[in-house]
Amino acid sequence: QVQLVESGGELVQAGGSLRLSCVASARIFGRRAMAWFRQAPGKEREFAAAIIWSDGRTDYTDSVKGRFTISRDNAKNTVYLQMNNLKPEDTAVYYCALRWGLLTTSPEAYAYWGQGTQVTVSS
């Protein structure tokens, strides 16, 4: 089983930036989708961003386009989420996830999950 460990979440003021990291315990290769989901208080877990490992193609939910960037480092088996111009509505627990298959925004399709990292944006 692949272990995913997120880090980087913290308290930040609105307009600030954070970079989240997710390290996988095994080498990631091929057409594997790695994604970031987030879950705000009282809300369902929602898709934020995803990347196809092999070719770097990405997908974002509309609310983060232009502000968030997902990327990966093949040598480090790590996926990042660079978050700029953070807003209070970005406050959530952020989870990274991995699936073997086509890219999808459905959390049910992802087989492996990290423990989550808390991002809190104050204003």
PDB file of N, CA and C in Angstrom:
ATOM      1  N   GLN A   1       0.836  -1.174   0.000  1.00  0.00           N
ATOM      2  CA  GLN A   1       0.000   0.000   0.000  1.00  0.00           C
ATOM      3  C   GLN A   1       0.883   1.240   0.000  1.00  0.00           C
ATOM      4  N   VAL A   2       0.538   2.205  -0.830  1.00  0.00           N
ATOM      5  CA  VAL A   2       1.283   3.444  -0.922  1.00  0.00           C
ATOM      6  C   VAL A   2       0.881   4.355   0.225  1.00  0.00           C
ATOM      7  N   GLN A   3       1.877   4.899   0.892  1.00  0.00           N
ATOM      8  CA  GLN A   3       1.640   5.862   1.951  1.00  0.00           C
ATOM      9  C   GLN A   3       1.870   7.267   1.410  1.00  0.00           C
ATOM     10  N   LEU A   4       0.955   8.170   1.729  1.00  0.00           N
ATOM     11  CA  LEU A   4       1.047   9.558   1.314  1.00  0.00           C
ATOM     12  C   LEU A   4       1.082  10.429   2.556  1.00  0.00           C
ATOM     13  N   VAL A   5       2.032  11.336   2.609  1.00  0.00           N
ATOM     14  CA  VAL A   5       2.189  12.205   3.761  1.00  0.00           C
ATOM     15  C   VAL A   5       2.214  13.647   3.298  1.00  0.00           C
ATOM     16  N   GLU A   6       1.216  14.418   3.731  1.00  0.00           N
ATOM     17  CA  GLU A   6       1.143  15.831   3.393  1.00  0.00           C
ATOM     18  C   GLU A   6       1.837  16.674   4.451  1.00  0.00           C
ATOM     19  N   SER A   7       2.268  17.844   4.034  1.00  0.00           N
ATOM     20  CA  SER A   7       2.826  18.816   4.956  1.00  0.00           C
ATOM     21  C   SER A   7       2.691  20.201   4.350  1.00  0.00           C
ATOM     22  N   GLY A   8       2.890  21.212   5.163  1.00  0.00           N
ATOM     23  CA  GLY A   8       2.906  22.580   4.688  1.00  0.00           C
ATOM     24  C   GLY A   8       1.737  23.439   5.105  1.00  0.00           C
ATOM     25  N   GLY A   9       0.685  22.837   5.620  1.00  0.00           N
ATOM     26  CA  GLY A   9      -0.463  23.620   6.033  1.00  0.00           C
ATOM     27  C   GLY A   9      -0.179  24.400   7.303  1.00  0.00           C
ATOM     28  N   GLU A  10      -0.721  25.607   7.372  1.00  0.00           N
ATOM     29  CA  GLU A  10      -0.561  26.450   8.538  1.00  0.00           C
ATOM     30  C   GLU A  10      -1.521  27.620   8.462  1.00  0.00           C
ATOM     31  N   LEU A  11      -1.466  28.458   9.472  1.00  0.00           N
ATOM     32  CA  LEU A  11      -2.261  29.678   9.492  1.00  0.00           C
ATOM     33  C   LEU A  11      -1.569  30.742   8.651  1.00  0.00           C
ATOM     34  N   VAL A  12      -2.324  31.375   7.764  1.00  0.00           N
ATOM     35  CA  VAL A  12      -1.781  32.416   6.909  1.00  0.00           C
ATOM     36  C   VAL A  12      -2.839  33.493   6.718  1.00  0.00           C
ATOM     37  N   GLN A  13      -2.400  34.714   6.520  1.00  0.00           N
ATOM     38  CA  GLN A  13      -3.330  35.805   6.283  1.00  0.00           C
ATOM     39  C   GLN A  13      -3.805  35.824   4.840  1.00  0.00           C
ATOM     40  N   ALA A  14      -4.983  36.366   4.634  1.00  0.00           N
ATOM     41  CA  ALA A  14      -5.518  36.497   3.284  1.00  0.00           C
ATOM     42  C   ALA A  14      -4.533  37.237   2.389  1.00  0.00           C
ATOM     43  N   GLY A  15      -4.387  36.740   1.176  1.00  0.00           N
ATOM     44  CA  GLY A  15      -3.433  37.295   0.240  1.00  0.00           C
ATOM     45  C   GLY A  15      -2.071  36.640   0.283  1.00  0.00           C
ATOM     46  N   GLY A  16      -1.832  35.825   1.279  1.00  0.00           N
ATOM     47  CA  GLY A  16      -0.561  35.153   1.416  1.00  0.00           C
ATOM     48  C   GLY A  16      -0.473  33.897   0.579  1.00  0.00           C
ATOM     49  N   SER A  17       0.647  33.206   0.726  1.00  0.00           N
ATOM     50  CA  SER A  17       0.920  32.013  -0.065  1.00  0.00           C
ATOM     51  C   SER A  17       1.393  30.872   0.816  1.00  0.00           C
ATOM     52  N   LEU A  18       1.116  29.665   0.369  1.00  0.00           N
ATOM     53  CA  LEU A  18       1.613  28.451   0.989  1.00  0.00           C
ATOM     54  C   LEU A  18       1.940  27.450  -0.100  1.00  0.00           C
ATOM     55  N   ARG A  19       2.851  26.550   0.195  1.00  0.00           N
ATOM     56  CA  ARG A  19       3.103  25.425  -0.676  1.00  0.00           C
ATOM     57  C   ARG A  19       2.931  24.138   0.111  1.00  0.00           C
ATOM     58  N   LEU A  20       1.978  23.343  -0.306  1.00  0.00           N
ATOM     59  CA  LEU A  20       1.752  22.047   0.300  1.00  0.00           C
ATOM     60  C   LEU A  20       2.560  20.990  -0.431  1.00  0.00           C
ATOM     61  N   SER A  21       3.031  20.013   0.316  1.00  0.00           N
ATOM     62  CA  SER A  21       3.781  18.906  -0.255  1.00  0.00           C
ATOM     63  C   SER A  21       3.133  17.590   0.130  1.00  0.00           C
ATOM     64  N   CYS A  22       3.230  16.623  -0.751  1.00  0.00           N
ATOM     65  CA  CYS A  22       2.756  15.277  -0.469  1.00  0.00           C
ATOM     66  C   CYS A  22       3.792  14.301  -0.992  1.00  0.00           C
ATOM     67  N   VAL A  23       4.380  13.544  -0.086  1.00  0.00           N
ATOM     68  CA  VAL A  23       5.430  12.596  -0.429  1.00  0.00           C
ATOM     69  C   VAL A  23       4.850  11.187  -0.445  1.00  0.00           C
ATOM     70  N   ALA A  24       5.084  10.469  -1.527  1.00  0.00           N
ATOM     71  CA  ALA A  24       4.638   9.092  -1.646  1.00  0.00           C
ATOM     72  C   ALA A  24       5.751   8.138  -1.247  1.00  0.00           C
ATOM     73  N   SER A  25       5.368   7.019  -0.644  1.00  0.00           N
ATOM     74  CA  SER A  25       6.346   6.050  -0.172  1.00  0.00           C
ATOM     75  C   SER A  25       6.868   5.141  -1.270  1.00  0.00           C
ATOM     76  N   ALA A  26       6.283   5.201  -2.448  1.00  0.00           N
ATOM     77  CA  ALA A  26       6.708   4.389  -3.572  1.00  0.00           C
ATOM     78  C   ALA A  26       6.894   5.275  -4.794  1.00  0.00           C
ATOM     79  N   ARG A  27       7.652   4.765  -5.759  1.00  0.00           N
ATOM     80  CA  ARG A  27       7.879   5.523  -6.979  1.00  0.00           C
ATOM     81  C   ARG A  27       6.586   5.643  -7.773  1.00  0.00           C
ATOM     82  N   ILE A  28       6.312   6.846  -8.227  1.00  0.00           N
ATOM     83  CA  ILE A  28       5.123   7.120  -9.018  1.00  0.00           C
ATOM     84  C   ILE A  28       5.530   7.221 -10.483  1.00  0.00           C
ATOM     85  N   PHE A  29       4.770   6.565 -11.356  1.00  0.00           N
ATOM     86  CA  PHE A  29       5.099   6.559 -12.763  1.00  0.00           C
ATOM     87  C   PHE A  29       3.839   6.327 -13.591  1.00  0.00           C
ATOM     88  N   GLY A  30       3.949   6.573 -14.877  1.00  0.00           N
ATOM     89  CA  GLY A  30       2.871   6.272 -15.798  1.00  0.00           C
ATOM     90  C   GLY A  30       1.706   7.235 -15.698  1.00  0.00           C
ATOM     91  N   ARG A  31       0.581   6.780 -16.205  1.00  0.00           N
ATOM     92  CA  ARG A  31      -0.624   7.608 -16.226  1.00  0.00           C
ATOM     93  C   ARG A  31      -1.371   7.450 -14.906  1.00  0.00           C
ATOM     94  N   ARG A  32      -0.738   7.919 -13.876  1.00  0.00           N
ATOM     95  CA  ARG A  32      -1.323   7.941 -12.552  1.00  0.00           C
ATOM     96  C   ARG A  32      -1.777   9.348 -12.242  1.00  0.00           C
ATOM     97  N   ALA A  33      -2.972   9.462 -11.735  1.00  0.00           N
ATOM     98  CA  ALA A  33      -3.506  10.758 -11.358  1.00  0.00           C
ATOM     99  C   ALA A  33      -3.248  11.002  -9.880  1.00  0.00           C
ATOM    100  N   MET A  34      -2.622  12.103  -9.581  1.00  0.00           N
ATOM    101  CA  MET A  34      -2.487  12.560  -8.202  1.00  0.00           C
ATOM    102  C   MET A  34      -3.244  13.858  -8.064  1.00  0.00           C
ATOM    103  N   ALA A  35      -3.962  13.967  -6.987  1.00  0.00           N
ATOM    104  CA  ALA A  35      -4.877  15.080  -6.824  1.00  0.00           C
ATOM    105  C   ALA A  35      -4.804  15.657  -5.423  1.00  0.00           C
ATOM    106  N   TRP A  36      -5.270  16.883  -5.326  1.00  0.00           N
ATOM    107  CA  TRP A  36      -5.512  17.537  -4.050  1.00  0.00           C
ATOM    108  C   TRP A  36      -7.006  17.765  -3.901  1.00  0.00           C
ATOM    109  N   PHE A  37      -7.522  17.326  -2.779  1.00  0.00           N
ATOM    110  CA  PHE A  37      -8.895  17.606  -2.386  1.00  0.00           C
ATOM    111  C   PHE A  37      -8.866  18.444  -1.120  1.00  0.00           C
ATOM    112  N   ARG A  38      -9.973  19.090  -0.848  1.00  0.00           N
ATOM    113  CA  ARG A  38     -10.055  19.862   0.380  1.00  0.00           C
ATOM    114  C   ARG A  38     -11.442  19.724   0.982  1.00  0.00           C
ATOM    115  N   GLN A  39     -11.485  19.842   2.292  1.00  0.00           N
ATOM    116  CA  GLN A  39     -12.743  19.729   3.008  1.00  0.00           C
ATOM    117  C   GLN A  39     -12.825  20.837   4.047  1.00  0.00           C
ATOM    118  N   ALA A  40     -13.729  21.759   3.813  1.00  0.00           N
ATOM    119  CA  ALA A  40     -13.956  22.869   4.723  1.00  0.00           C
ATOM    120  C   ALA A  40     -14.942  22.454   5.806  1.00  0.00           C
ATOM    121  N   PRO A  41     -14.946  23.160   6.926  1.00  0.00           N
ATOM    122  CA  PRO A  41     -15.882  22.818   8.001  1.00  0.00           C
ATOM    123  C   PRO A  41     -17.325  22.804   7.521  1.00  0.00           C
ATOM    124  N   GLY A  42     -18.024  21.725   7.805  1.00  0.00           N
ATOM    125  CA  GLY A  42     -19.426  21.612   7.444  1.00  0.00           C
ATOM    126  C   GLY A  42     -19.700  21.340   5.983  1.00  0.00           C
ATOM    127  N   LYS A  43     -18.672  21.104   5.186  1.00  0.00           N
ATOM    128  CA  LYS A  43     -18.856  20.875   3.764  1.00  0.00           C
ATOM    129  C   LYS A  43     -18.287  19.529   3.351  1.00  0.00           C
ATOM    130  N   GLU A  44     -18.715  19.074   2.183  1.00  0.00           N
ATOM    131  CA  GLU A  44     -18.214  17.829   1.636  1.00  0.00           C
ATOM    132  C   GLU A  44     -16.819  18.022   1.063  1.00  0.00           C
ATOM    133  N   ARG A  45     -16.096  16.926   0.992  1.00  0.00           N
ATOM    134  CA  ARG A  45     -14.785  16.965   0.382  1.00  0.00           C
ATOM    135  C   ARG A  45     -14.918  17.307  -1.103  1.00  0.00           C
ATOM    136  N   GLU A  46     -14.103  18.246  -1.574  1.00  0.00           N
ATOM    137  CA  GLU A  46     -14.206  18.691  -2.946  1.00  0.00           C
ATOM    138  C   GLU A  46     -12.862  18.661  -3.649  1.00  0.00           C
ATOM    139  N   PHE A  47     -12.931  18.463  -4.935  1.00  0.00           N
ATOM    140  CA  PHE A  47     -11.754  18.442  -5.779  1.00  0.00           C
ATOM    141  C   PHE A  47     -11.154  19.832  -5.898  1.00  0.00           C
ATOM    142  N   ALA A  48      -9.822  19.915  -5.831  1.00  0.00           N
ATOM    143  CA  ALA A  48      -9.133  21.175  -6.028  1.00  0.00           C
ATOM    144  C   ALA A  48      -8.261  21.165  -7.282  1.00  0.00           C
ATOM    145  N   ALA A  49      -7.387  20.177  -7.395  1.00  0.00           N
ATOM    146  CA  ALA A  49      -6.462  20.123  -8.518  1.00  0.00           C
ATOM    147  C   ALA A  49      -5.952  18.712  -8.692  1.00  0.00           C
ATOM    148  N   ALA A  50      -5.527  18.381  -9.903  1.00  0.00           N
ATOM    149  CA  ALA A  50      -4.961  17.067 -10.176  1.00  0.00           C
ATOM    150  C   ALA A  50      -3.915  17.167 -11.270  1.00  0.00           C
ATOM    151  N   ILE A  51      -3.051  16.169 -11.316  1.00  0.00           N
ATOM    152  CA  ILE A  51      -2.000  16.120 -12.320  1.00  0.00           C
ATOM    153  C   ILE A  51      -1.807  14.684 -12.776  1.00  0.00           C
ATOM    154  N   ILE A  52      -1.589  14.510 -14.080  1.00  0.00           N
ATOM    155  CA  ILE A  52      -1.210  13.212 -14.622  1.00  0.00           C
ATOM    156  C   ILE A  52       0.298  13.088 -14.502  1.00  0.00           C
ATOM    157  N   TRP A  53       0.738  12.037 -13.831  1.00  0.00           N
ATOM    158  CA  TRP A  53       2.144  11.948 -13.490  1.00  0.00           C
ATOM    159  C   TRP A  53       3.050  11.885 -14.713  1.00  0.00           C
ATOM    160  N   SER A  54       2.649  11.140 -15.716  1.00  0.00           N
ATOM    161  CA  SER A  54       3.524  10.872 -16.842  1.00  0.00           C
ATOM    162  C   SER A  54       3.781  12.082 -17.726  1.00  0.00           C
ATOM    163  N   ASP A  55       2.773  12.918 -17.940  1.00  0.00           N
ATOM    164  CA  ASP A  55       2.937  14.015 -18.889  1.00  0.00           C
ATOM    165  C   ASP A  55       2.705  15.399 -18.302  1.00  0.00           C
ATOM    166  N   GLY A  56       2.308  15.473 -17.046  1.00  0.00           N
ATOM    167  CA  GLY A  56       2.160  16.753 -16.391  1.00  0.00           C
ATOM    168  C   GLY A  56       0.879  17.509 -16.673  1.00  0.00           C
ATOM    169  N   ARG A  57      -0.051  16.904 -17.389  1.00  0.00           N
ATOM    170  CA  ARG A  57      -1.327  17.577 -17.634  1.00  0.00           C
ATOM    171  C   ARG A  57      -2.062  17.800 -16.326  1.00  0.00           C
ATOM    172  N   THR A  58      -2.730  18.926 -16.224  1.00  0.00           N
ATOM    173  CA  THR A  58      -3.358  19.327 -14.975  1.00  0.00           C
ATOM    174  C   THR A  58      -4.826  19.670 -15.160  1.00  0.00           C
ATOM    175  N   ASP A  59      -5.524  19.698 -14.050  1.00  0.00           N
ATOM    176  CA  ASP A  59      -6.917  20.104 -14.017  1.00  0.00           C
ATOM    177  C   ASP A  59      -7.156  20.815 -12.692  1.00  0.00           C
ATOM    178  N   TYR A  60      -8.007  21.848 -12.720  1.00  0.00           N
ATOM    179  CA  TYR A  60      -8.293  22.634 -11.537  1.00  0.00           C
ATOM    180  C   TYR A  60      -9.779  22.917 -11.448  1.00  0.00           C
ATOM    181  N   THR A  61     -10.251  23.025 -10.232  1.00  0.00           N
ATOM    182  CA  THR A  61     -11.597  23.514 -10.054  1.00  0.00           C
ATOM    183  C   THR A  61     -11.594  25.023 -10.288  1.00  0.00           C
ATOM    184  N   ASP A  62     -12.730  25.557 -10.737  1.00  0.00           N
ATOM    185  CA  ASP A  62     -12.779  26.954 -11.162  1.00  0.00           C
ATOM    186  C   ASP A  62     -12.369  27.929 -10.066  1.00  0.00           C
ATOM    187  N   SER A  63     -12.680  27.628  -8.835  1.00  0.00           N
ATOM    188  CA  SER A  63     -12.436  28.564  -7.752  1.00  0.00           C
ATOM    189  C   SER A  63     -10.952  28.779  -7.445  1.00  0.00           C
ATOM    190  N   VAL A  64     -10.083  27.902  -7.928  1.00  0.00           N
ATOM    191  CA  VAL A  64      -8.655  28.042  -7.651  1.00  0.00           C
ATOM    192  C   VAL A  64      -7.836  28.351  -8.892  1.00  0.00           C
ATOM    193  N   LYS A  65      -8.450  28.356 -10.064  1.00  0.00           N
ATOM    194  CA  LYS A  65      -7.716  28.632 -11.289  1.00  0.00           C
ATOM    195  C   LYS A  65      -7.082  30.017 -11.245  1.00  0.00           C
ATOM    196  N   GLY A  66      -5.829  30.070 -11.649  1.00  0.00           N
ATOM    197  CA  GLY A  66      -5.094  31.319 -11.626  1.00  0.00           C
ATOM    198  C   GLY A  66      -4.421  31.620 -10.311  1.00  0.00           C
ATOM    199  N   ARG A  67      -4.759  30.870  -9.272  1.00  0.00           N
ATOM    200  CA  ARG A  67      -4.158  31.074  -7.958  1.00  0.00           C
ATOM    201  C   ARG A  67      -3.344  29.869  -7.487  1.00  0.00           C
ATOM    202  N   PHE A  68      -3.812  28.671  -7.800  1.00  0.00           N
ATOM    203  CA  PHE A  68      -3.143  27.449  -7.361  1.00  0.00           C
ATOM    204  C   PHE A  68      -2.433  26.794  -8.535  1.00  0.00           C
ATOM    205  N   THR A  69      -1.316  26.164  -8.250  1.00  0.00           N
ATOM    206  CA  THR A  69      -0.579  25.417  -9.255  1.00  0.00           C
ATOM    207  C   THR A  69      -0.166  24.072  -8.679  1.00  0.00           C
ATOM    208  N   ILE A  70      -0.543  23.003  -9.359  1.00  0.00           N
ATOM    209  CA  ILE A  70      -0.125  21.672  -8.949  1.00  0.00           C
ATOM    210  C   ILE A  70       1.071  21.252  -9.800  1.00  0.00           C
ATOM    211  N   SER A  71       2.025  20.604  -9.181  1.00  0.00           N
ATOM    212  CA  SER A  71       3.208  20.146  -9.883  1.00  0.00           C
ATOM    213  C   SER A  71       3.742  18.892  -9.215  1.00  0.00           C
ATOM    214  N   ARG A  72       4.687  18.243  -9.878  1.00  0.00           N
ATOM    215  CA  ARG A  72       5.284  17.047  -9.289  1.00  0.00           C
ATOM    216  C   ARG A  72       6.773  17.025  -9.528  1.00  0.00           C
ATOM    217  N   ASP A  73       7.465  16.325  -8.644  1.00  0.00           N
ATOM    218  CA  ASP A  73       8.900  16.104  -8.746  1.00  0.00           C
ATOM    219  C   ASP A  73       9.099  14.606  -8.822  1.00  0.00           C
ATOM    220  N   ASN A  74       9.448  14.118 -10.003  1.00  0.00           N
ATOM    221  CA  ASN A  74       9.580  12.683 -10.204  1.00  0.00           C
ATOM    222  C   ASN A  74      10.647  12.059  -9.308  1.00  0.00           C
ATOM    223  N   ALA A  75      11.756  12.753  -9.153  1.00  0.00           N
ATOM    224  CA  ALA A  75      12.855  12.207  -8.374  1.00  0.00           C
ATOM    225  C   ALA A  75      12.508  12.065  -6.904  1.00  0.00           C
ATOM    226  N   LYS A  76      11.621  12.897  -6.416  1.00  0.00           N
ATOM    227  CA  LYS A  76      11.270  12.895  -4.999  1.00  0.00           C
ATOM    228  C   LYS A  76       9.932  12.221  -4.708  1.00  0.00           C
ATOM    229  N   ASN A  77       9.258  11.714  -5.740  1.00  0.00           N
ATOM    230  CA  ASN A  77       7.935  11.104  -5.575  1.00  0.00           C
ATOM    231  C   ASN A  77       6.997  12.028  -4.810  1.00  0.00           C
ATOM    232  N   THR A  78       7.016  13.275  -5.194  1.00  0.00           N
ATOM    233  CA  THR A  78       6.318  14.306  -4.446  1.00  0.00           C
ATOM    234  C   THR A  78       5.442  15.144  -5.364  1.00  0.00           C
ATOM    235  N   VAL A  79       4.256  15.454  -4.886  1.00  0.00           N
ATOM    236  CA  VAL A  79       3.371  16.380  -5.565  1.00  0.00           C
ATOM    237  C   VAL A  79       3.217  17.615  -4.693  1.00  0.00           C
ATOM    238  N   TYR A  80       3.147  18.766  -5.326  1.00  0.00           N
ATOM    239  CA  TYR A  80       3.043  20.035  -4.631  1.00  0.00           C
ATOM    240  C   TYR A  80       1.759  20.753  -5.024  1.00  0.00           C
ATOM    241  N   LEU A  81       1.303  21.583  -4.132  1.00  0.00           N
ATOM    242  CA  LEU A  81       0.235  22.513  -4.441  1.00  0.00           C
ATOM    243  C   LEU A  81       0.682  23.892  -3.988  1.00  0.00           C
ATOM    244  N   GLN A  82       1.061  24.717  -4.949  1.00  0.00           N
ATOM    245  CA  GLN A  82       1.422  26.093  -4.661  1.00  0.00           C
ATOM    246  C   GLN A  82       0.145  26.920  -4.634  1.00  0.00           C
ATOM    247  N   MET A  83      -0.109  27.567  -3.523  1.00  0.00           N
ATOM    248  CA  MET A  83      -1.332  28.329  -3.332  1.00  0.00           C
ATOM    249  C   MET A  83      -0.965  29.788  -3.120  1.00  0.00           C
ATOM    250  N   ASN A  84      -1.388  30.636  -4.042  1.00  0.00           N
ATOM    251  CA  ASN A  84      -1.131  32.059  -3.967  1.00  0.00           C
ATOM    252  C   ASN A  84      -2.431  32.822  -3.803  1.00  0.00           C
ATOM    253  N   ASN A  85      -2.314  34.046  -3.313  1.00  0.00           N
ATOM    254  CA  ASN A  85      -3.480  34.902  -3.115  1.00  0.00           C
ATOM    255  C   ASN A  85      -4.586  34.165  -2.369  1.00  0.00           C
ATOM    256  N   LEU A  86      -4.219  33.595  -1.256  1.00  0.00           N
ATOM    257  CA  LEU A  86      -5.168  32.790  -0.494  1.00  0.00           C
ATOM    258  C   LEU A  86      -6.314  33.629   0.042  1.00  0.00           C
ATOM    259  N   LYS A  87      -7.480  33.018   0.061  1.00  0.00           N
ATOM    260  CA  LYS A  87      -8.702  33.651   0.524  1.00  0.00           C
ATOM    261  C   LYS A  87      -9.250  32.885   1.717  1.00  0.00           C
ATOM    262  N   PRO A  88     -10.034  33.540   2.568  1.00  0.00           N
ATOM    263  CA  PRO A  88     -10.616  32.825   3.699  1.00  0.00           C
ATOM    264  C   PRO A  88     -11.403  31.587   3.289  1.00  0.00           C
ATOM    265  N   GLU A  89     -12.047  31.617   2.139  1.00  0.00           N
ATOM    266  CA  GLU A  89     -12.803  30.467   1.693  1.00  0.00           C
ATOM    267  C   GLU A  89     -11.933  29.286   1.282  1.00  0.00           C
ATOM    268  N   ASP A  90     -10.619  29.476   1.230  1.00  0.00           N
ATOM    269  CA  ASP A  90      -9.709  28.365   0.989  1.00  0.00           C
ATOM    270  C   ASP A  90      -9.427  27.565   2.258  1.00  0.00           C
ATOM    271  N   THR A  91      -9.882  28.049   3.387  1.00  0.00           N
ATOM    272  CA  THR A  91      -9.666  27.353   4.648  1.00  0.00           C
ATOM    273  C   THR A  91     -10.277  25.958   4.590  1.00  0.00           C
ATOM    274  N   ALA A  92      -9.462  24.956   4.849  1.00  0.00           N
ATOM    275  CA  ALA A  92      -9.913  23.571   4.763  1.00  0.00           C
ATOM    276  C   ALA A  92      -8.781  22.657   5.181  1.00  0.00           C
ATOM    277  N   VAL A  93      -9.127  21.401   5.399  1.00  0.00           N
ATOM    278  CA  VAL A  93      -8.121  20.359   5.466  1.00  0.00           C
ATOM    279  C   VAL A  93      -7.843  19.916   4.035  1.00  0.00           C
ATOM    280  N   TYR A  94      -6.591  19.924   3.653  1.00  0.00           N
ATOM    281  CA  TYR A  94      -6.194  19.542   2.308  1.00  0.00           C
ATOM    282  C   TYR A  94      -5.607  18.142   2.315  1.00  0.00           C
ATOM    283  N   TYR A  95      -6.099  17.313   1.407  1.00  0.00           N
ATOM    284  CA  TYR A  95      -5.671  15.928   1.288  1.00  0.00           C
ATOM    285  C   TYR A  95      -5.073  15.683  -0.083  1.00  0.00           C
ATOM    286  N   CYS A  96      -4.001  14.932  -0.139  1.00  0.00           N
ATOM    287  CA  CYS A  96      -3.542  14.443  -1.429  1.00  0.00           C
ATOM    288  C   CYS A  96      -4.030  13.020  -1.619  1.00  0.00           C
ATOM    289  N   ALA A  97      -4.201  12.647  -2.876  1.00  0.00           N
ATOM    290  CA  ALA A  97      -4.758  11.343  -3.198  1.00  0.00           C
ATOM    291  C   ALA A  97      -4.162  10.832  -4.494  1.00  0.00           C
ATOM    292  N   LEU A  98      -4.176   9.517  -4.650  1.00  0.00           N
ATOM    293  CA  LEU A  98      -3.582   8.854  -5.805  1.00  0.00           C
ATOM    294  C   LEU A  98      -4.544   7.803  -6.333  1.00  0.00           C
ATOM    295  N   ARG A  99      -4.689   7.773  -7.650  1.00  0.00           N
ATOM    296  CA  ARG A  99      -5.431   6.688  -8.264  1.00  0.00           C
ATOM    297  C   ARG A  99      -4.671   6.127  -9.453  1.00  0.00           C
ATOM    298  N   TRP A 100      -4.837   4.840  -9.672  1.00  0.00           N
ATOM    299  CA  TRP A 100      -4.302   4.181 -10.860  1.00  0.00           C
ATOM    300  C   TRP A 100      -5.423   4.149 -11.880  1.00  0.00           C
ATOM    301  N   GLY A 101      -5.351   5.049 -12.841  1.00  0.00           N
ATOM    302  CA  GLY A 101      -6.383   5.121 -13.863  1.00  0.00           C
ATOM    303  C   GLY A 101      -6.510   6.516 -14.413  1.00  0.00           C
ATOM    304  N   LEU A 102      -7.639   6.765 -15.050  1.00  0.00           N
ATOM    305  CA  LEU A 102      -7.881   8.059 -15.664  1.00  0.00           C
ATOM    306  C   LEU A 102      -8.074   9.139 -14.618  1.00  0.00           C
ATOM    307  N   LEU A 103      -7.734  10.341 -14.995  1.00  0.00           N
ATOM    308  CA  LEU A 103      -7.954  11.472 -14.112  1.00  0.00           C
ATOM    309  C   LEU A 103      -9.447  11.674 -13.900  1.00  0.00           C
ATOM    310  N   THR A 104      -9.822  11.872 -12.659  1.00  0.00           N
ATOM    311  CA  THR A 104     -11.207  12.136 -12.319  1.00  0.00           C
ATOM    312  C   THR A 104     -11.252  13.078 -11.130  1.00  0.00           C
ATOM    313  N   THR A 105     -12.354  13.781 -11.003  1.00  0.00           N
ATOM    314  CA  THR A 105     -12.548  14.685  -9.879  1.00  0.00           C
ATOM    315  C   THR A 105     -13.325  14.046  -8.739  1.00  0.00           C
ATOM    316  N   SER A 106     -13.700  12.799  -8.892  1.00  0.00           N
ATOM    317  CA  SER A 106     -14.494  12.109  -7.886  1.00  0.00           C
ATOM    318  C   SER A 106     -13.600  11.533  -6.794  1.00  0.00           C
ATOM    319  N   PRO A 107     -13.809  11.906  -5.542  1.00  0.00           N
ATOM    320  CA  PRO A 107     -12.953  11.355  -4.485  1.00  0.00           C
ATOM    321  C   PRO A 107     -13.082   9.853  -4.322  1.00  0.00           C
ATOM    322  N   GLU A 108     -14.242   9.293  -4.674  1.00  0.00           N
ATOM    323  CA  GLU A 108     -14.451   7.859  -4.523  1.00  0.00           C
ATOM    324  C   GLU A 108     -13.534   7.041  -5.423  1.00  0.00           C
ATOM    325  N   ALA A 109     -13.003   7.660  -6.460  1.00  0.00           N
ATOM    326  CA  ALA A 109     -12.159   6.944  -7.408  1.00  0.00           C
ATOM    327  C   ALA A 109     -10.710   6.832  -6.960  1.00  0.00           C
ATOM    328  N   TYR A 110     -10.327   7.537  -5.923  1.00  0.00           N
ATOM    329  CA  TYR A 110      -8.942   7.560  -5.483  1.00  0.00           C
ATOM    330  C   TYR A 110      -8.704   6.523  -4.395  1.00  0.00           C
ATOM    331  N   ALA A 111      -7.677   5.724  -4.594  1.00  0.00           N
ATOM    332  CA  ALA A 111      -7.435   4.577  -3.728  1.00  0.00           C
ATOM    333  C   ALA A 111      -6.585   4.901  -2.507  1.00  0.00           C
ATOM    334  N   TYR A 112      -5.719   5.877  -2.617  1.00  0.00           N
ATOM    335  CA  TYR A 112      -4.777   6.175  -1.548  1.00  0.00           C
ATOM    336  C   TYR A 112      -4.900   7.628  -1.142  1.00  0.00           C
ATOM    337  N   TRP A 113      -4.859   7.850   0.154  1.00  0.00           N
ATOM    338  CA  TRP A 113      -5.045   9.179   0.717  1.00  0.00           C
ATOM    339  C   TRP A 113      -4.033   9.459   1.807  1.00  0.00           C
ATOM    340  N   GLY A 114      -3.637  10.711   1.879  1.00  0.00           N
ATOM    341  CA  GLY A 114      -2.847  11.154   3.004  1.00  0.00           C
ATOM    342  C   GLY A 114      -3.725  11.483   4.192  1.00  0.00           C
ATOM    343  N   GLN A 115      -3.088  11.896   5.266  1.00  0.00           N
ATOM    344  CA  GLN A 115      -3.807  12.174   6.504  1.00  0.00           C
ATOM    345  C   GLN A 115      -4.421  13.567   6.535  1.00  0.00           C
ATOM    346  N   GLY A 116      -4.030  14.421   5.621  1.00  0.00           N
ATOM    347  CA  GLY A 116      -4.534  15.776   5.561  1.00  0.00           C
ATOM    348  C   GLY A 116      -3.645  16.763   6.283  1.00  0.00           C
ATOM    349  N   THR A 117      -3.677  17.998   5.816  1.00  0.00           N
ATOM    350  CA  THR A 117      -2.957  19.082   6.460  1.00  0.00           C
ATOM    351  C   THR A 117      -3.862  20.308   6.488  1.00  0.00           C
ATOM    352  N   GLN A 118      -3.909  20.964   7.628  1.00  0.00           N
ATOM    353  CA  GLN A 118      -4.850  22.055   7.838  1.00  0.00           C
ATOM    354  C   GLN A 118      -4.303  23.363   7.284  1.00  0.00           C
ATOM    355  N   VAL A 119      -5.101  23.999   6.451  1.00  0.00           N
ATOM    356  CA  VAL A 119      -4.809  25.339   5.953  1.00  0.00           C
ATOM    357  C   VAL A 119      -5.874  26.274   6.493  1.00  0.00           C
ATOM    358  N   THR A 120      -5.451  27.304   7.192  1.00  0.00           N
ATOM    359  CA  THR A 120      -6.370  28.286   7.732  1.00  0.00           C
ATOM    360  C   THR A 120      -5.967  29.664   7.232  1.00  0.00           C
ATOM    361  N   VAL A 121      -6.899  30.338   6.577  1.00  0.00           N
ATOM    362  CA  VAL A 121      -6.648  31.661   6.017  1.00  0.00           C
ATOM    363  C   VAL A 121      -7.477  32.668   6.798  1.00  0.00           C
ATOM    364  N   SER A 122      -6.815  33.586   7.436  1.00  0.00           N
ATOM    365  CA  SER A 122      -7.477  34.588   8.244  1.00  0.00           C
ATOM    366  C   SER A 122      -7.652  35.884   7.464  1.00  0.00           C
ATOM    367  N   SER A 123      -8.589  36.717   7.924  1.00  0.00           N
ATOM    368  CA  SER A 123      -8.838  37.996   7.290  1.00  0.00           C
ATOM    369  C   SER A 123      -9.209  39.032   8.320  1.00  0.00           C
TER     370      SER A 123
END
